[in-house]
Amino acid sequence: MTTPTWDPRQYLRHADHRTRPFLDLLGRIGSLPHEPAPRIADLGCGAGNVTTLLGDRWPGARITGYDSSRRMLERARAHAGPLLDFAEADAATWTPTETYDLIVSNALLQWVPGHTARFPHWLAALAPGGTLAFQVPGNFDAPSHTLMRELAGSPRWRDRLGGVLRHDGAVHTPAGYLEQLTAPGRTVDVWETTYLHLLQGEDPVLDWVRGTGLRPLLDALDDDPDARDAFVTEYRDLLRTAYPTGPHGTVFPFRRVFAVTRTAG
């Protein structure tokens, strides 16, 4: 899957629903080695809105949010303060140069091919008793994604969009992450949750994926607005059938995979 051009405003349109998994992840993280003033890295901080939640949980923490999108970092820096800063970094190559009590990543690693190969580098940078925690979407088999891939690979679109999306191996199964993270001296907690988001408004699932999974295709058609609009219209019609609007809104099931790994203290 091609790393997209991010639009912070579009991404934040569903901030409440997107934030809940991060809060659930934080709820499974225990104490940190250097509380009340731990060192924390938020890898793939995006617009910084969830990074601030780390400061709420650990008010004395020194926190750095890392992201590869300059547009996202521009938005994130509005949250900067004496103990919170932001820096440009690509998770595919980021190797910590200091020790952290917590390295956390929220809905990023699906964009990083071979991301499990980065785990040893990040775990090695943790203080004794430190934690690596992340969550990733596990919904690549949901209609929102299968219909997107099928349409991109259809005869009308395959010449322009074939191969743009990557889904095989984008994320691992919970068992796969457990195997990758388990080692002597570590405690590992891996689980999955399917959220039933009740979305409001016209074509809300399309609006959701405009901020995430649809971005690479929009980028690929950016030089041809008519083609981009035609693709979005076809995709919208498929989504309307797959996710019909009910009396209280549109139900959007969304599976996510979580992992929390604590090193020996």
Protein backbone atom coordinates (compact mmCIF):
# COMPACT_ATOMS: atom_id res chain seq x y z
CA MET A 1 0.00 0.00 0.00
CA THR A 2 1.40 3.38 -1.02
CA THR A 3 1.90 5.87 1.81
CA PRO A 4 -0.71 8.54 1.17
CA THR A 5 -0.75 12.31 1.18
CA TRP A 6 -2.53 13.08 4.44
CA ASP A 7 -5.27 15.64 4.95
CA PRO A 8 -5.45 16.41 8.70
CA ARG A 9 -8.84 18.08 8.44
CA GLN A 10 -10.43 15.09 6.71
CA TYR A 11 -8.78 12.62 9.07
CA LEU A 12 -10.08 14.43 12.14
CA ARG A 13 -13.69 14.44 10.93
CA HIS A 14 -14.21 11.16 12.79
CA ALA A 15 -11.79 11.89 15.62
CA ASP A 16 -14.11 10.65 18.38
CA HIS A 17 -14.45 7.18 16.87
CA ARG A 18 -10.77 7.01 15.89
CA THR A 19 -9.66 8.01 19.39
CA ARG A 20 -11.51 5.27 21.25
CA PRO A 21 -9.09 2.44 20.33
CA PHE A 22 -6.18 4.56 21.55
CA LEU A 23 -7.92 5.09 24.87
CA ASP A 24 -8.53 1.34 25.11
CA LEU A 25 -4.85 0.74 24.39
CA LEU A 26 -3.81 3.18 27.10
CA GLY A 27 -6.10 1.40 29.52
CA ARG A 28 -3.97 -1.76 29.23
CA ILE A 29 -0.63 0.00 29.84
CA GLY A 30 0.53 -0.23 33.42
CA SER A 31 3.01 1.90 35.32
CA LEU A 32 6.14 3.15 33.58
CA PRO A 33 9.69 2.91 34.96
CA HIS A 34 10.34 6.60 35.53
CA GLU A 35 6.94 7.79 36.71
CA PRO A 36 5.88 10.44 37.40
CA ALA A 37 8.16 11.80 34.64
CA PRO A 38 8.62 9.09 31.99
CA ARG A 39 10.07 9.54 28.49
CA ILE A 40 7.49 8.69 25.81
CA ALA A 41 7.53 8.41 22.01
CA ASP A 42 4.31 8.52 19.98
CA LEU A 43 5.26 6.96 16.65
CA GLY A 44 2.92 8.08 13.89
CA CYS A 45 1.43 10.90 15.93
CA GLY A 46 -0.56 12.34 13.04
CA ALA A 47 -2.33 15.55 13.96
CA GLY A 48 -1.25 15.23 17.59
CA ASN A 49 -4.74 14.93 19.02
CA VAL A 50 -4.09 11.54 20.65
CA THR A 51 -0.55 12.53 21.66
CA THR A 52 -2.06 15.01 24.07
CA LEU A 53 -3.88 12.12 25.78
CA LEU A 54 -0.48 10.75 26.78
CA GLY A 55 0.17 14.03 28.57
CA ASP A 56 -3.19 13.73 30.32
CA ARG A 57 -2.28 10.23 31.53
CA TRP A 58 1.29 11.15 32.56
CA PRO A 59 1.30 14.93 33.23
CA GLY A 60 5.01 14.98 34.05
CA ALA A 61 6.09 12.99 30.98
CA ARG A 62 8.43 14.31 28.32
CA ILE A 63 6.71 13.31 25.08
CA THR A 64 7.80 13.46 21.45
CA GLY A 65 5.38 12.76 18.62
CA TYR A 66 6.98 11.45 15.42
CA ASP A 67 5.40 11.46 11.98
CA SER A 68 6.53 11.45 8.36
CA SER A 69 3.78 13.79 7.12
CA ARG A 70 4.73 17.44 7.28
CA ARG A 71 1.09 18.44 6.93
CA MET A 72 0.17 16.35 9.95
CA LEU A 73 3.11 17.71 11.94
CA GLU A 74 2.11 21.27 11.12
CA ARG A 75 -1.29 20.57 12.68
CA ALA A 76 0.24 18.64 15.59
CA ARG A 77 2.59 21.44 16.60
CA ALA A 78 -0.41 23.47 17.69
CA HIS A 79 -0.41 21.13 20.72
CA ALA A 80 3.29 21.60 21.54
CA GLY A 81 4.33 22.72 25.01
CA PRO A 82 7.23 22.61 27.44
CA LEU A 83 7.03 18.80 27.76
CA LEU A 84 5.51 17.98 24.36
CA ASP A 85 7.25 18.35 21.02
CA PHE A 86 6.99 16.88 17.53
CA ALA A 87 9.60 15.75 15.02
CA GLU A 88 9.69 14.31 11.52
CA ALA A 89 10.54 10.61 11.33
CA ASP A 90 9.63 7.62 9.16
CA ALA A 91 8.64 4.54 11.15
CA ALA A 92 10.13 2.34 8.43
CA THR A 93 13.61 3.56 9.37
CA TRP A 94 13.25 5.20 12.80
CA THR A 95 15.80 3.83 15.24
CA PRO A 96 15.68 5.49 18.68
CA THR A 97 18.81 7.33 19.79
CA GLU A 98 17.73 7.55 23.44
CA THR A 99 15.94 5.45 26.02
CA TYR A 100 12.15 5.49 26.33
CA ASP A 101 9.80 4.28 29.02
CA LEU A 102 7.00 3.92 26.47
CA ILE A 103 6.92 3.71 22.69
CA VAL A 104 3.34 3.79 21.48
CA SER A 105 1.87 3.68 17.98
CA ASN A 106 -1.74 4.23 16.99
CA ALA A 107 -3.05 3.05 13.58
CA LEU A 108 0.30 3.49 11.84
CA LEU A 109 2.01 0.17 11.28
CA GLN A 110 -0.33 -0.98 8.51
CA TRP A 111 1.43 1.64 6.35
CA VAL A 112 4.90 0.22 7.13
CA PRO A 113 5.81 -2.89 5.08
CA GLY A 114 7.69 -5.42 7.17
CA HIS A 115 7.06 -3.45 10.35
CA THR A 116 7.70 -6.42 12.63
CA ALA A 117 11.37 -6.15 11.64
CA ARG A 118 11.43 -2.82 13.46
CA PHE A 119 10.30 -4.32 16.78
CA PRO A 120 13.80 -5.37 17.95
CA HIS A 121 15.11 -1.82 17.42
CA TRP A 122 12.25 -0.30 19.41
CA LEU A 123 12.32 -2.89 22.19
CA ALA A 124 16.07 -2.40 22.56
CA ALA A 125 15.47 1.31 23.23
CA LEU A 126 13.14 0.70 26.18
CA ALA A 127 14.23 1.28 29.75
CA PRO A 128 14.04 -1.79 31.99
CA GLY A 129 10.36 -2.32 32.64
CA GLY A 130 9.44 -0.19 29.62
CA THR A 131 6.55 -0.82 27.25
CA LEU A 132 5.93 -1.06 23.51
CA ALA A 133 2.23 -0.68 22.72
CA PHE A 134 0.37 -0.38 19.42
CA GLN A 135 -2.93 -0.90 17.68
CA VAL A 136 -3.58 -1.48 13.99
CA PRO A 137 -6.75 -1.84 11.92
CA GLY A 138 -7.67 -5.43 11.21
CA ASN A 139 -10.48 -4.72 8.77
CA PHE A 140 -8.81 -5.39 5.41
CA ASP A 141 -11.40 -8.10 4.70
CA ALA A 142 -14.32 -5.73 5.41
CA PRO A 143 -16.49 -4.50 2.51
CA SER A 144 -15.01 -1.00 2.83
CA HIS A 145 -11.66 -2.44 1.73
CA THR A 146 -12.60 -5.41 -0.45
CA LEU A 147 -14.90 -3.26 -2.59
CA MET A 148 -12.18 -0.63 -2.90
CA ARG A 149 -9.64 -3.22 -4.09
CA GLU A 150 -12.08 -4.91 -6.46
CA LEU A 151 -13.04 -1.63 -8.06
CA ALA A 152 -9.40 -0.52 -8.40
CA GLY A 153 -8.64 -3.84 -10.12
CA SER A 154 -11.66 -3.76 -12.43
CA PRO A 155 -11.16 -3.42 -16.21
CA ARG A 156 -12.02 0.28 -16.17
CA TRP A 157 -9.49 1.18 -13.49
CA ARG A 158 -6.78 -1.48 -13.34
CA ASP A 159 -4.37 0.29 -15.72
CA ARG A 160 -4.31 3.35 -13.47
CA LEU A 161 -4.93 1.86 -10.05
CA GLY A 162 -3.80 -1.75 -10.17
CA GLY A 163 -1.12 -2.35 -7.56
CA VAL A 164 -1.65 0.94 -5.73
CA LEU A 165 -3.24 -0.74 -2.72
CA ARG A 166 -1.39 -3.29 -0.58
CA HIS A 167 -3.33 -5.53 1.76
CA ASP A 168 -1.64 -8.94 1.97
CA GLY A 169 0.54 -8.82 5.05
CA ALA A 170 -0.30 -5.20 5.83
CA VAL A 171 -1.04 -6.35 9.38
CA HIS A 172 -0.59 -9.68 11.15
CA THR A 173 -3.04 -11.80 13.06
CA PRO A 174 -3.09 -11.44 16.85
CA ALA A 175 -1.32 -14.81 17.04
CA GLY A 176 1.30 -13.54 14.62
CA TYR A 177 2.05 -10.50 16.75
CA LEU A 178 2.15 -12.66 19.87
CA GLU A 179 4.77 -14.87 18.25
CA GLN A 180 6.84 -11.90 17.12
CA LEU A 181 6.82 -10.18 20.51
CA THR A 182 7.11 -13.07 22.96
CA ALA A 183 10.56 -13.65 24.44
CA PRO A 184 12.06 -14.52 27.83
CA GLY A 185 11.72 -11.64 30.25
CA ARG A 186 8.78 -10.00 28.45
CA THR A 187 5.08 -10.00 29.21
CA VAL A 188 2.87 -9.74 26.14
CA ASP A 189 -0.83 -8.90 25.93
CA VAL A 190 -2.43 -9.20 22.47
CA TRP A 191 -6.13 -8.95 21.70
CA GLU A 192 -8.64 -7.83 19.09
CA THR A 193 -11.86 -5.84 19.25
CA THR A 194 -14.55 -5.13 16.67
CA TYR A 195 -16.16 -1.74 17.21
CA LEU A 196 -19.63 -1.04 15.85
CA HIS A 197 -19.37 2.63 15.00
CA LEU A 198 -22.72 4.31 14.46
CA LEU A 199 -21.92 7.00 11.89
CA GLN A 200 -24.09 9.95 11.00
CA GLY A 201 -24.51 12.03 7.88
CA GLU A 202 -24.61 11.33 4.16
CA ASP A 203 -22.28 8.55 2.95
CA PRO A 204 -20.41 8.42 6.26
CA VAL A 205 -18.34 5.33 5.45
CA LEU A 206 -17.05 7.04 2.32
CA ASP A 207 -16.29 10.10 4.41
CA TRP A 208 -14.37 7.90 6.88
CA VAL A 209 -12.19 6.18 4.28
CA ARG A 210 -11.48 9.47 2.51
CA GLY A 211 -9.31 10.22 5.53
CA THR A 212 -7.46 6.88 5.52
CA GLY A 213 -7.63 3.87 3.19
CA LEU A 214 -8.89 5.72 0.10
CA ARG A 215 -6.05 8.25 0.20
CA PRO A 216 -3.59 6.31 -2.04
CA LEU A 217 -6.20 5.98 -4.79
CA LEU A 218 -7.14 9.65 -4.55
CA ASP A 219 -3.45 10.50 -4.85
CA ALA A 220 -3.07 8.27 -7.90
CA LEU A 221 -5.95 10.08 -9.65
CA ASP A 222 -5.04 13.54 -8.42
CA ASP A 223 -3.92 14.67 -11.89
CA ASP A 224 -7.32 13.80 -13.38
CA PRO A 225 -10.18 15.25 -11.30
CA ASP A 226 -12.87 13.85 -13.61
CA ALA A 227 -11.51 10.31 -13.28
CA ARG A 228 -11.11 10.74 -9.52
CA ASP A 229 -14.73 11.88 -9.16
CA ALA A 230 -15.96 9.01 -11.35
CA PHE A 231 -14.09 6.45 -9.25
CA VAL A 232 -15.38 7.92 -6.00
CA THR A 233 -18.95 7.88 -7.34
CA GLU A 234 -18.71 4.20 -8.29
CA TYR A 235 -17.20 3.34 -4.93
CA ARG A 236 -19.81 5.42 -3.07
CA ASP A 237 -22.63 3.48 -4.72
CA LEU A 238 -21.06 0.16 -3.70
CA LEU A 239 -20.69 1.39 -0.12
CA ARG A 240 -24.32 2.48 0.04
CA THR A 241 -25.36 -1.11 -0.64
CA ALA A 242 -22.79 -2.65 1.72
CA TYR A 243 -23.51 -0.20 4.57
CA PRO A 244 -27.18 0.82 4.37
CA THR A 245 -28.40 3.68 6.48
CA GLY A 246 -30.67 2.62 9.33
CA PRO A 247 -33.09 4.57 11.49
CA HIS A 248 -30.32 5.70 13.84
CA GLY A 249 -27.39 6.04 11.43
CA THR A 250 -24.99 3.81 9.51
CA VAL A 251 -23.37 0.91 11.35
CA PHE A 252 -19.68 0.57 10.46
CA PRO A 253 -18.04 -2.52 12.02
CA PHE A 254 -14.31 -1.99 12.48
CA ARG A 255 -11.95 -4.68 13.78
CA ARG A 256 -8.67 -3.64 15.42
CA VAL A 257 -5.69 -5.57 16.77
CA PHE A 258 -3.82 -4.46 19.91
CA ALA A 259 -0.52 -5.42 21.50
CA VAL A 260 1.20 -4.33 24.72
CA THR A 261 4.70 -5.68 25.44
CA ARG A 262 6.48 -4.97 28.71
CA THR A 263 10.18 -5.66 29.13
CA ALA A 264 11.74 -7.08 32.26
CA GLY A 265 12.28 -4.50 34.97
